[in-house]
């Protein structure tokens, strides 16, 4: 089981971004318990899918406004309806992980689970998040369009640019490693959890 604890960075000098995060992830089908504000500018969610955790964690870190802690392990069952009422080792590990993440240049940390896979998952997640966070605005926009399932030619038309310009933006964004990188993070999280992800790695 996975618990995600996510804390807004620089919240004292920024607007509160929690409500927007809750709205954008409210229909996320992969969360057993949706993100819920736990305290101040922090949210927490529960998932049993490494695929979902990998995708959400990388997306949040790349956004630039969040520190992400992933706790792996058991939770007290049955899960309460309210995320913030959850208990168990994974919740404790997620708390330790987010505190560690706040001190990292790439703010994502993983705790709990099976060694050495937990550390490997953390390393892979930081590498992929570092690539995603370093993209220019144009590069990030091009990647977001491609993630909707369109072709590069269709993406270029959506953005109002030439196919050549679209190709250049994606190349500069190093978009070609996204799918394989996310599959790697998913696999390592699954190994750290001691399971095979029931939702697959696609």
N, C-alpha and C. Protein backbone atom coordinates (compact mmCIF):
# COMPACT_ATOMS: atom_id res chain seq x y z
N UNK A 1 0.84 -1.19 0.00
CA UNK A 1 0.00 0.00 0.00
C UNK A 1 0.88 1.25 0.00
N UNK A 2 0.38 2.32 -0.59
CA UNK A 2 1.14 3.56 -0.69
C UNK A 2 0.34 4.73 -0.10
N UNK A 3 1.03 5.54 0.67
CA UNK A 3 0.45 6.79 1.16
C UNK A 3 1.29 7.94 0.62
N UNK A 4 0.64 8.90 0.02
CA UNK A 4 1.29 10.11 -0.49
C UNK A 4 0.98 11.27 0.44
N UNK A 5 2.02 11.87 0.99
CA UNK A 5 1.86 13.10 1.76
C UNK A 5 2.55 14.21 0.97
N UNK A 6 1.80 15.25 0.65
CA UNK A 6 2.25 16.30 -0.26
C UNK A 6 2.11 17.65 0.42
N UNK A 7 3.19 18.41 0.46
CA UNK A 7 3.20 19.69 1.16
C UNK A 7 3.58 20.81 0.19
N UNK A 8 2.85 21.90 0.24
CA UNK A 8 3.13 23.02 -0.66
C UNK A 8 4.44 23.70 -0.27
N UNK A 9 5.26 24.00 -1.26
CA UNK A 9 6.54 24.66 -1.03
C UNK A 9 6.35 26.17 -1.04
N UNK A 10 7.07 26.85 -0.17
CA UNK A 10 7.03 28.32 -0.16
C UNK A 10 5.66 28.88 0.07
N UNK A 11 4.86 28.21 0.86
CA UNK A 11 3.46 28.62 1.02
C UNK A 11 3.32 29.97 1.73
N UNK A 12 4.31 30.35 2.50
CA UNK A 12 4.21 31.62 3.22
C UNK A 12 4.28 32.82 2.29
N UNK A 13 4.87 32.63 1.12
CA UNK A 13 5.00 33.73 0.15
C UNK A 13 4.22 33.44 -1.12
N UNK A 14 3.33 32.47 -1.08
CA UNK A 14 2.57 32.07 -2.27
C UNK A 14 1.10 31.96 -1.90
N UNK A 15 0.27 31.87 -2.93
CA UNK A 15 -1.15 31.64 -2.70
C UNK A 15 -1.34 30.19 -2.26
N UNK A 16 -2.46 29.91 -1.62
CA UNK A 16 -2.79 28.55 -1.23
C UNK A 16 -3.21 27.77 -2.48
N UNK A 17 -2.44 26.74 -2.82
CA UNK A 17 -2.69 25.97 -4.03
C UNK A 17 -3.40 24.64 -3.75
N UNK A 18 -3.75 24.40 -2.50
CA UNK A 18 -4.31 23.11 -2.13
C UNK A 18 -5.66 22.86 -2.79
N UNK A 19 -6.53 23.84 -2.78
CA UNK A 19 -7.87 23.64 -3.35
C UNK A 19 -7.79 23.26 -4.83
N UNK A 20 -6.89 23.91 -5.57
CA UNK A 20 -6.73 23.58 -6.99
C UNK A 20 -6.25 22.14 -7.15
N UNK A 21 -5.33 21.72 -6.29
CA UNK A 21 -4.84 20.35 -6.35
C UNK A 21 -5.96 19.36 -6.05
N UNK A 22 -6.76 19.65 -5.03
CA UNK A 22 -7.86 18.76 -4.69
C UNK A 22 -8.87 18.65 -5.83
N UNK A 23 -9.14 19.76 -6.49
CA UNK A 23 -10.08 19.75 -7.61
C UNK A 23 -9.54 18.96 -8.79
N UNK A 24 -8.25 19.15 -9.10
CA UNK A 24 -7.67 18.51 -10.29
C UNK A 24 -7.51 17.01 -10.12
N UNK A 25 -7.45 16.53 -8.88
CA UNK A 25 -7.28 15.09 -8.64
C UNK A 25 -8.53 14.43 -8.08
N UNK A 26 -9.63 15.17 -7.99
CA UNK A 26 -10.84 14.65 -7.34
C UNK A 26 -11.39 13.41 -8.04
N UNK A 27 -11.20 13.33 -9.36
CA UNK A 27 -11.74 12.20 -10.11
C UNK A 27 -10.67 11.17 -10.46
N UNK A 28 -9.54 11.25 -9.78
CA UNK A 28 -8.46 10.29 -10.02
C UNK A 28 -8.91 8.89 -9.58
N UNK A 29 -9.13 7.97 -10.53
CA UNK A 29 -9.70 6.67 -10.17
C UNK A 29 -8.71 5.76 -9.45
N UNK A 30 -7.43 6.05 -9.52
CA UNK A 30 -6.45 5.16 -8.94
C UNK A 30 -6.20 5.35 -7.46
N UNK A 31 -6.82 6.34 -6.86
CA UNK A 31 -6.64 6.57 -5.43
C UNK A 31 -7.71 5.84 -4.63
N UNK A 32 -7.28 5.02 -3.68
CA UNK A 32 -8.25 4.36 -2.81
C UNK A 32 -8.95 5.36 -1.92
N UNK A 33 -8.19 6.35 -1.47
CA UNK A 33 -8.75 7.49 -0.75
C UNK A 33 -8.18 8.74 -1.39
N UNK A 34 -9.04 9.67 -1.82
CA UNK A 34 -8.57 10.85 -2.55
C UNK A 34 -7.73 11.77 -1.68
N UNK A 35 -6.99 12.64 -2.34
CA UNK A 35 -6.25 13.64 -1.60
C UNK A 35 -7.21 14.46 -0.74
N UNK A 36 -6.76 14.71 0.47
CA UNK A 36 -7.57 15.48 1.42
C UNK A 36 -6.62 16.37 2.21
N UNK A 37 -7.04 17.59 2.44
CA UNK A 37 -6.22 18.50 3.24
C UNK A 37 -6.13 17.95 4.66
N UNK A 38 -4.90 17.78 5.14
CA UNK A 38 -4.71 17.23 6.48
C UNK A 38 -4.36 18.30 7.49
N UNK A 39 -3.56 19.29 7.06
CA UNK A 39 -3.19 20.39 7.96
C UNK A 39 -2.57 21.49 7.12
N UNK A 40 -3.10 22.70 7.27
CA UNK A 40 -2.51 23.83 6.56
C UNK A 40 -2.47 23.62 5.06
N UNK A 41 -1.25 23.58 4.50
CA UNK A 41 -1.09 23.44 3.06
C UNK A 41 -0.60 22.05 2.68
N UNK A 42 -1.00 21.06 3.44
CA UNK A 42 -0.59 19.68 3.21
C UNK A 42 -1.80 18.83 2.85
N UNK A 43 -1.58 17.86 1.93
CA UNK A 43 -2.64 16.93 1.56
C UNK A 43 -2.09 15.51 1.65
N UNK A 44 -3.02 14.55 1.71
CA UNK A 44 -2.62 13.15 1.82
C UNK A 44 -3.60 12.29 1.06
N UNK A 45 -3.09 11.24 0.39
CA UNK A 45 -3.93 10.31 -0.34
C UNK A 45 -3.40 8.90 -0.18
N UNK A 46 -4.22 7.90 -0.50
CA UNK A 46 -3.85 6.49 -0.35
C UNK A 46 -4.11 5.78 -1.68
N UNK A 47 -3.16 4.94 -2.09
CA UNK A 47 -3.29 4.18 -3.34
C UNK A 47 -2.73 2.78 -3.15
N UNK A 48 -3.21 1.85 -3.98
CA UNK A 48 -2.63 0.51 -4.00
C UNK A 48 -1.92 0.24 -5.32
N UNK A 49 -1.83 1.25 -6.17
CA UNK A 49 -1.24 1.11 -7.49
C UNK A 49 0.05 1.91 -7.60
N UNK A 50 1.15 1.21 -7.84
CA UNK A 50 2.43 1.90 -8.05
C UNK A 50 2.39 2.77 -9.29
N UNK A 51 1.64 2.36 -10.30
CA UNK A 51 1.51 3.15 -11.53
C UNK A 51 0.92 4.52 -11.23
N UNK A 52 -0.13 4.53 -10.45
CA UNK A 52 -0.79 5.79 -10.09
C UNK A 52 0.14 6.67 -9.25
N UNK A 53 0.81 6.06 -8.28
CA UNK A 53 1.70 6.80 -7.40
C UNK A 53 2.85 7.42 -8.19
N UNK A 54 3.45 6.65 -9.08
CA UNK A 54 4.56 7.17 -9.88
C UNK A 54 4.12 8.36 -10.72
N UNK A 55 2.99 8.23 -11.39
CA UNK A 55 2.51 9.30 -12.26
C UNK A 55 2.19 10.57 -11.47
N UNK A 56 1.46 10.42 -10.38
CA UNK A 56 1.07 11.59 -9.59
C UNK A 56 2.29 12.25 -8.94
N UNK A 57 3.20 11.44 -8.41
CA UNK A 57 4.36 12.00 -7.71
C UNK A 57 5.24 12.80 -8.67
N UNK A 58 5.51 12.25 -9.84
CA UNK A 58 6.35 12.96 -10.81
C UNK A 58 5.66 14.24 -11.27
N UNK A 59 4.37 14.16 -11.53
CA UNK A 59 3.62 15.33 -11.97
C UNK A 59 3.67 16.45 -10.93
N UNK A 60 3.50 16.10 -9.66
CA UNK A 60 3.47 17.11 -8.60
C UNK A 60 4.84 17.76 -8.40
N UNK A 61 5.90 16.96 -8.41
CA UNK A 61 7.23 17.52 -8.25
C UNK A 61 7.58 18.41 -9.44
N UNK A 62 7.26 17.96 -10.65
CA UNK A 62 7.57 18.74 -11.84
C UNK A 62 6.82 20.06 -11.86
N UNK A 63 5.67 20.11 -11.21
CA UNK A 63 4.88 21.35 -11.14
C UNK A 63 5.66 22.47 -10.45
N UNK A 64 6.56 22.08 -9.55
CA UNK A 64 7.42 23.06 -8.89
C UNK A 64 6.90 23.64 -7.60
N UNK A 65 5.69 23.25 -7.19
CA UNK A 65 5.08 23.84 -5.99
C UNK A 65 4.91 22.86 -4.84
N UNK A 66 5.41 21.62 -5.00
CA UNK A 66 5.09 20.59 -4.02
C UNK A 66 6.30 19.77 -3.62
N UNK A 67 6.36 19.41 -2.35
CA UNK A 67 7.27 18.38 -1.85
C UNK A 67 6.44 17.11 -1.66
N UNK A 68 6.97 15.98 -2.11
CA UNK A 68 6.20 14.75 -2.14
C UNK A 68 6.89 13.67 -1.32
N UNK A 69 6.17 13.10 -0.37
CA UNK A 69 6.64 11.96 0.40
C UNK A 69 5.79 10.75 0.10
N UNK A 70 6.45 9.62 -0.17
CA UNK A 70 5.75 8.37 -0.45
C UNK A 70 6.08 7.38 0.67
N UNK A 71 5.06 6.92 1.37
CA UNK A 71 5.23 5.89 2.38
C UNK A 71 4.73 4.57 1.86
N UNK A 72 5.52 3.52 2.06
CA UNK A 72 5.17 2.19 1.54
C UNK A 72 5.04 1.22 2.71
N UNK A 73 3.94 0.46 2.72
CA UNK A 73 3.79 -0.53 3.78
C UNK A 73 2.34 -0.75 4.14
N UNK A 74 2.12 -1.25 5.33
CA UNK A 74 0.78 -1.58 5.77
C UNK A 74 0.00 -0.37 6.26
N UNK A 75 -1.30 -0.48 6.17
CA UNK A 75 -2.22 0.50 6.75
C UNK A 75 -3.26 -0.26 7.55
N UNK A 76 -3.81 0.41 8.54
CA UNK A 76 -4.87 -0.22 9.33
C UNK A 76 -6.13 -0.34 8.49
N UNK A 77 -6.67 -1.56 8.42
CA UNK A 77 -7.87 -1.82 7.65
C UNK A 77 -9.05 -2.14 8.58
N UNK A 78 -10.25 -1.81 8.16
CA UNK A 78 -10.58 -1.15 6.90
C UNK A 78 -10.18 0.32 6.92
N UNK A 79 -9.86 0.85 5.72
CA UNK A 79 -9.52 2.25 5.63
C UNK A 79 -10.73 3.11 6.00
N UNK A 80 -10.54 4.13 6.81
CA UNK A 80 -11.66 5.04 7.10
C UNK A 80 -12.02 5.83 5.84
N UNK A 81 -13.20 6.36 5.81
CA UNK A 81 -13.63 7.15 4.65
C UNK A 81 -12.79 8.41 4.50
N UNK A 82 -12.37 8.98 5.60
CA UNK A 82 -11.56 10.19 5.58
C UNK A 82 -10.08 9.82 5.55
N UNK A 83 -9.36 10.35 4.59
CA UNK A 83 -7.94 10.04 4.44
C UNK A 83 -7.16 10.41 5.69
N UNK A 84 -7.46 11.56 6.26
CA UNK A 84 -6.67 12.03 7.40
C UNK A 84 -6.92 11.23 8.67
N UNK A 85 -7.89 10.34 8.63
CA UNK A 85 -8.13 9.47 9.78
C UNK A 85 -7.37 8.15 9.68
N UNK A 86 -6.66 7.95 8.56
CA UNK A 86 -5.94 6.71 8.34
C UNK A 86 -4.79 6.53 9.31
N UNK A 87 -4.47 5.28 9.59
CA UNK A 87 -3.38 4.94 10.49
C UNK A 87 -2.60 3.76 9.92
N UNK A 88 -1.37 3.60 10.43
CA UNK A 88 -0.56 2.47 10.02
C UNK A 88 0.84 2.90 9.62
N UNK A 89 1.75 1.94 9.45
CA UNK A 89 3.15 2.26 9.14
C UNK A 89 3.34 3.11 7.89
N UNK A 90 2.54 2.89 6.86
CA UNK A 90 2.72 3.66 5.62
C UNK A 90 2.43 5.14 5.84
N UNK A 91 1.50 5.45 6.73
CA UNK A 91 1.21 6.85 7.05
C UNK A 91 2.39 7.49 7.79
N UNK A 92 2.98 6.73 8.71
CA UNK A 92 4.15 7.24 9.44
C UNK A 92 5.31 7.45 8.49
N UNK A 93 5.54 6.48 7.58
CA UNK A 93 6.64 6.60 6.63
C UNK A 93 6.43 7.76 5.66
N UNK A 94 5.18 8.00 5.26
CA UNK A 94 4.91 9.12 4.35
C UNK A 94 5.21 10.45 5.03
N UNK A 95 4.94 10.55 6.32
CA UNK A 95 5.25 11.76 7.08
C UNK A 95 6.76 11.98 7.12
N UNK A 96 7.53 10.93 7.41
CA UNK A 96 8.98 11.05 7.43
C UNK A 96 9.51 11.38 6.04
N UNK A 97 8.88 10.80 5.02
CA UNK A 97 9.34 11.02 3.64
C UNK A 97 9.15 12.47 3.21
N UNK A 98 8.00 13.06 3.51
CA UNK A 98 7.78 14.43 3.06
C UNK A 98 8.69 15.41 3.80
N UNK A 99 8.99 15.13 5.05
CA UNK A 99 9.92 15.99 5.78
C UNK A 99 11.31 15.91 5.16
N UNK A 100 11.71 14.71 4.73
CA UNK A 100 12.98 14.55 4.02
C UNK A 100 12.95 15.26 2.68
N UNK A 101 11.82 15.13 1.97
CA UNK A 101 11.71 15.74 0.64
C UNK A 101 11.89 17.25 0.67
N UNK A 102 11.44 17.87 1.73
CA UNK A 102 11.54 19.33 1.85
C UNK A 102 13.00 19.79 1.86
N UNK A 103 13.92 18.90 2.20
CA UNK A 103 15.33 19.27 2.30
C UNK A 103 16.12 18.92 1.04
N UNK A 104 15.42 18.35 0.04
CA UNK A 104 16.11 17.89 -1.16
C UNK A 104 15.97 18.90 -2.30
N UNK A 105 16.99 18.94 -3.16
CA UNK A 105 16.89 19.80 -4.35
C UNK A 105 15.74 19.34 -5.23
N UNK A 106 15.61 18.03 -5.43
CA UNK A 106 14.45 17.46 -6.12
C UNK A 106 13.56 16.89 -5.02
N UNK A 107 12.47 17.59 -4.69
CA UNK A 107 11.75 17.32 -3.43
C UNK A 107 10.81 16.12 -3.47
N UNK A 108 11.42 14.93 -3.56
CA UNK A 108 10.62 13.71 -3.44
C UNK A 108 11.44 12.68 -2.68
N UNK A 109 10.82 12.02 -1.71
CA UNK A 109 11.49 10.99 -0.92
C UNK A 109 10.53 9.83 -0.72
N UNK A 110 11.13 8.64 -0.56
CA UNK A 110 10.36 7.40 -0.37
C UNK A 110 10.86 6.72 0.89
N UNK A 111 9.95 6.26 1.72
CA UNK A 111 10.31 5.58 2.96
C UNK A 111 9.46 4.31 3.12
N UNK A 112 9.97 3.37 3.92
CA UNK A 112 9.27 2.12 4.17
C UNK A 112 9.58 1.10 3.09
N UNK A 113 8.80 0.05 3.05
CA UNK A 113 8.95 -0.93 2.00
C UNK A 113 10.16 -1.84 2.17
N UNK A 114 10.53 -2.48 1.07
CA UNK A 114 11.56 -3.51 1.05
C UNK A 114 12.86 -2.95 0.50
N UNK A 115 13.93 -3.03 1.30
CA UNK A 115 15.25 -2.61 0.82
C UNK A 115 15.79 -3.69 -0.13
N UNK A 116 16.59 -3.27 -1.15
CA UNK A 116 17.02 -1.90 -1.47
C UNK A 116 16.09 -1.19 -2.44
N UNK A 117 14.94 -1.80 -2.72
CA UNK A 117 14.08 -1.27 -3.77
C UNK A 117 13.52 0.11 -3.44
N UNK A 118 13.29 0.38 -2.17
CA UNK A 118 12.79 1.70 -1.78
C UNK A 118 13.78 2.80 -2.19
N UNK A 119 15.05 2.58 -1.90
CA UNK A 119 16.06 3.57 -2.26
C UNK A 119 16.18 3.69 -3.77
N UNK A 120 16.12 2.56 -4.48
CA UNK A 120 16.20 2.62 -5.94
C UNK A 120 15.01 3.38 -6.53
N UNK A 121 13.83 3.15 -5.97
CA UNK A 121 12.63 3.87 -6.45
C UNK A 121 12.78 5.36 -6.23
N UNK A 122 13.32 5.74 -5.08
CA UNK A 122 13.53 7.16 -4.78
C UNK A 122 14.51 7.78 -5.77
N UNK A 123 15.60 7.08 -6.06
CA UNK A 123 16.59 7.60 -7.00
C UNK A 123 16.00 7.78 -8.39
N UNK A 124 15.28 6.76 -8.87
CA UNK A 124 14.68 6.84 -10.20
C UNK A 124 13.64 7.96 -10.27
N UNK A 125 12.84 8.11 -9.21
CA UNK A 125 11.82 9.16 -9.18
C UNK A 125 12.46 10.54 -9.21
N UNK A 126 13.55 10.71 -8.47
CA UNK A 126 14.23 12.01 -8.46
C UNK A 126 14.82 12.34 -9.83
N UNK A 127 15.40 11.33 -10.48
CA UNK A 127 15.99 11.57 -11.80
C UNK A 127 14.92 11.99 -12.81
N UNK A 128 13.81 11.26 -12.84
CA UNK A 128 12.76 11.58 -13.80
C UNK A 128 12.10 12.92 -13.47
N UNK A 129 11.87 13.18 -12.19
CA UNK A 129 11.27 14.45 -11.79
C UNK A 129 12.20 15.61 -12.11
N UNK A 130 13.50 15.40 -11.99
CA UNK A 130 14.47 16.45 -12.30
C UNK A 130 14.41 16.82 -13.77
N UNK A 131 14.29 15.81 -14.63
CA UNK A 131 14.14 16.07 -16.07
C UNK A 131 12.86 16.85 -16.34
N UNK A 132 11.76 16.38 -15.77
CA UNK A 132 10.46 17.02 -16.03
C UNK A 132 10.42 18.45 -15.50
N UNK A 133 11.01 18.67 -14.32
CA UNK A 133 10.97 20.00 -13.72
C UNK A 133 11.86 20.99 -14.45
N UNK A 134 12.86 20.49 -15.17
CA UNK A 134 13.78 21.37 -15.87
C UNK A 134 13.33 21.82 -17.24
N UNK A 135 12.14 21.43 -17.65
CA UNK A 135 11.65 21.79 -18.97
C UNK A 135 11.24 23.25 -19.04
N UNK A 136 11.44 23.83 -20.22
CA UNK A 136 10.94 25.18 -20.45
C UNK A 136 9.42 25.16 -20.47
N UNK A 137 8.81 26.33 -20.39
CA UNK A 137 7.36 26.40 -20.46
C UNK A 137 6.84 25.80 -21.76
N UNK A 138 7.52 26.12 -22.87
CA UNK A 138 7.11 25.59 -24.17
C UNK A 138 7.27 24.08 -24.22
N UNK A 139 8.37 23.59 -23.66
CA UNK A 139 8.60 22.15 -23.63
C UNK A 139 7.57 21.43 -22.80
N UNK A 140 7.27 21.96 -21.62
CA UNK A 140 6.28 21.34 -20.74
C UNK A 140 4.90 21.34 -21.40
N UNK A 141 4.59 22.42 -22.09
CA UNK A 141 3.30 22.51 -22.79
C UNK A 141 3.21 21.46 -23.89
N UNK A 142 4.29 21.28 -24.63
CA UNK A 142 4.31 20.27 -25.70
C UNK A 142 4.13 18.87 -25.13
N UNK A 143 4.77 18.59 -24.02
CA UNK A 143 4.65 17.28 -23.38
C UNK A 143 3.22 17.05 -22.90
N UNK A 144 2.62 18.06 -22.28
CA UNK A 144 1.24 17.91 -21.81
C UNK A 144 0.30 17.58 -22.95
N UNK A 145 0.50 18.21 -24.09
CA UNK A 145 -0.35 17.93 -25.25
C UNK A 145 -0.15 16.49 -25.71
N UNK A 146 1.10 16.03 -25.76
CA UNK A 146 1.37 14.66 -26.20
C UNK A 146 0.79 13.64 -25.24
N UNK A 147 0.71 13.99 -23.98
CA UNK A 147 0.17 13.06 -22.99
C UNK A 147 -1.33 12.81 -23.15
N UNK A 148 -1.99 13.59 -23.99
CA UNK A 148 -3.40 13.37 -24.26
C UNK A 148 -3.61 12.28 -25.31
N UNK A 149 -2.52 11.79 -25.91
CA UNK A 149 -2.62 10.70 -26.87
C UNK A 149 -2.63 11.11 -28.32
N UNK A 150 -2.38 12.38 -28.62
CA UNK A 150 -2.35 12.83 -30.00
C UNK A 150 -1.00 12.51 -30.64
N UNK A 151 -0.95 12.59 -31.98
CA UNK A 151 0.32 12.46 -32.68
C UNK A 151 1.07 13.78 -32.61
N UNK A 152 2.36 13.75 -32.98
CA UNK A 152 3.12 15.00 -32.96
C UNK A 152 2.54 16.02 -33.93
N UNK A 153 2.08 15.53 -35.09
CA UNK A 153 1.49 16.45 -36.07
C UNK A 153 0.22 17.08 -35.50
N UNK A 154 -0.60 16.28 -34.84
CA UNK A 154 -1.82 16.81 -34.24
C UNK A 154 -1.49 17.76 -33.10
N UNK A 155 -0.47 17.41 -32.32
CA UNK A 155 -0.04 18.29 -31.22
C UNK A 155 0.44 19.63 -31.74
N UNK A 156 1.17 19.61 -32.84
CA UNK A 156 1.66 20.86 -33.43
C UNK A 156 0.49 21.73 -33.88
N UNK A 157 -0.53 21.09 -34.44
CA UNK A 157 -1.71 21.84 -34.89
C UNK A 157 -2.44 22.46 -33.70
N UNK A 158 -2.55 21.70 -32.62
CA UNK A 158 -3.21 22.22 -31.41
C UNK A 158 -2.48 23.44 -30.89
N UNK A 159 -1.14 23.40 -30.90
CA UNK A 159 -0.34 24.50 -30.37
C UNK A 159 -0.13 25.63 -31.38
N UNK A 160 -0.53 25.39 -32.63
CA UNK A 160 -0.36 26.42 -33.65
C UNK A 160 1.08 26.61 -34.08
N UNK A 161 1.85 25.53 -34.08
CA UNK A 161 3.25 25.60 -34.50
C UNK A 161 3.50 24.56 -35.59
N UNK A 162 4.66 24.62 -36.21
CA UNK A 162 4.98 23.66 -37.25
C UNK A 162 5.36 22.31 -36.63
N UNK A 163 5.21 21.23 -37.39
CA UNK A 163 5.66 19.93 -36.89
C UNK A 163 7.15 19.93 -36.52
N UNK A 164 7.95 20.69 -37.26
CA UNK A 164 9.37 20.77 -36.96
C UNK A 164 9.60 21.44 -35.60
N UNK A 165 8.83 22.49 -35.33
CA UNK A 165 8.96 23.18 -34.05
C UNK A 165 8.50 22.28 -32.91
N UNK A 166 7.44 21.50 -33.16
CA UNK A 166 6.96 20.57 -32.14
C UNK A 166 8.02 19.52 -31.82
N UNK A 167 8.63 19.00 -32.87
CA UNK A 167 9.68 18.00 -32.68
C UNK A 167 10.85 18.56 -31.88
N UNK A 168 11.23 19.81 -32.17
CA UNK A 168 12.32 20.44 -31.46
C UNK A 168 11.98 20.65 -29.98
N UNK A 169 10.76 21.08 -29.71
CA UNK A 169 10.35 21.29 -28.31
C UNK A 169 10.37 19.99 -27.53
N UNK A 170 9.89 18.92 -28.14
CA UNK A 170 9.87 17.63 -27.46
C UNK A 170 11.27 17.08 -27.25
N UNK A 171 12.13 17.30 -28.24
CA UNK A 171 13.51 16.84 -28.11
C UNK A 171 14.22 17.60 -26.99
N UNK A 172 14.02 18.91 -26.94
CA UNK A 172 14.65 19.71 -25.89
C UNK A 172 14.11 19.34 -24.51
N UNK A 173 12.83 18.93 -24.46
CA UNK A 173 12.20 18.54 -23.20
C UNK A 173 12.59 17.13 -22.78
N UNK A 174 13.29 16.41 -23.64
CA UNK A 174 13.69 15.02 -23.38
C UNK A 174 12.47 14.16 -23.06
N UNK A 175 11.44 14.40 -23.85
CA UNK A 175 10.16 13.72 -23.66
C UNK A 175 10.26 12.22 -23.92
N UNK A 176 11.23 11.80 -24.72
CA UNK A 176 11.31 10.41 -25.13
C UNK A 176 11.59 9.45 -23.96
N UNK A 177 12.08 9.98 -22.83
CA UNK A 177 12.36 9.08 -21.70
C UNK A 177 11.20 8.99 -20.72
N UNK A 178 10.14 9.76 -20.94
CA UNK A 178 9.05 9.80 -19.96
C UNK A 178 8.40 8.44 -19.72
N UNK A 179 8.00 7.76 -20.79
CA UNK A 179 7.27 6.51 -20.63
C UNK A 179 8.14 5.44 -19.97
N UNK A 180 9.36 5.27 -20.48
CA UNK A 180 10.24 4.26 -19.90
C UNK A 180 10.63 4.64 -18.47
N UNK A 181 10.85 5.93 -18.22
CA UNK A 181 11.21 6.38 -16.88
C UNK A 181 10.09 6.12 -15.89
N UNK A 182 8.86 6.38 -16.30
CA UNK A 182 7.73 6.16 -15.40
C UNK A 182 7.51 4.67 -15.15
N UNK A 183 7.73 3.86 -16.18
CA UNK A 183 7.63 2.41 -15.99
C UNK A 183 8.69 1.91 -15.01
N UNK A 184 9.89 2.50 -15.09
CA UNK A 184 10.95 2.10 -14.16
C UNK A 184 10.57 2.46 -12.72
N UNK A 185 10.09 3.67 -12.51
CA UNK A 185 9.68 4.09 -11.16
C UNK A 185 8.56 3.18 -10.66
N UNK A 186 7.61 2.87 -11.53
CA UNK A 186 6.50 1.99 -11.16
C UNK A 186 7.01 0.61 -10.73
N UNK A 187 7.91 0.04 -11.52
CA UNK A 187 8.44 -1.28 -11.21
C UNK A 187 9.18 -1.29 -9.88
N UNK A 188 9.97 -0.26 -9.64
CA UNK A 188 10.74 -0.21 -8.39
C UNK A 188 9.84 0.02 -7.18
N UNK A 189 8.81 0.84 -7.34
CA UNK A 189 7.85 1.01 -6.25
C UNK A 189 7.12 -0.30 -5.95
N UNK A 190 6.76 -1.03 -7.00
CA UNK A 190 6.09 -2.32 -6.81
C UNK A 190 6.99 -3.29 -6.07
N UNK A 191 8.27 -3.31 -6.42
CA UNK A 191 9.20 -4.20 -5.73
C UNK A 191 9.38 -3.77 -4.27
N UNK A 192 9.42 -2.46 -4.06
CA UNK A 192 9.54 -1.97 -2.69
C UNK A 192 8.32 -2.34 -1.85
N UNK A 193 7.18 -2.41 -2.50
CA UNK A 193 5.94 -2.79 -1.82
C UNK A 193 5.81 -4.30 -1.68
N UNK A 194 6.71 -5.03 -2.36
CA UNK A 194 6.65 -6.48 -2.31
C UNK A 194 5.51 -7.07 -3.08
N UNK A 195 5.03 -6.32 -4.10
CA UNK A 195 3.89 -6.78 -4.90
C UNK A 195 4.15 -6.54 -6.37
N UNK A 196 3.27 -7.09 -7.17
CA UNK A 196 3.20 -6.72 -8.59
C UNK A 196 2.00 -5.79 -8.73
N UNK A 197 2.22 -4.64 -9.36
CA UNK A 197 1.14 -3.66 -9.47
C UNK A 197 -0.06 -4.28 -10.17
N UNK A 198 -1.22 -4.33 -9.51
CA UNK A 198 -2.39 -4.94 -10.12
C UNK A 198 -2.91 -4.19 -11.33
N UNK A 199 -2.52 -2.95 -11.50
CA UNK A 199 -2.99 -2.17 -12.65
C UNK A 199 -2.00 -2.16 -13.79
N UNK A 200 -0.89 -2.87 -13.63
CA UNK A 200 0.08 -2.95 -14.70
C UNK A 200 0.99 -1.74 -14.73
N UNK A 201 1.86 -1.66 -15.73
CA UNK A 201 2.84 -0.58 -15.85
C UNK A 201 2.66 0.22 -17.12
N UNK A 202 1.54 0.05 -17.80
CA UNK A 202 1.32 0.80 -19.04
C UNK A 202 0.94 2.22 -18.72
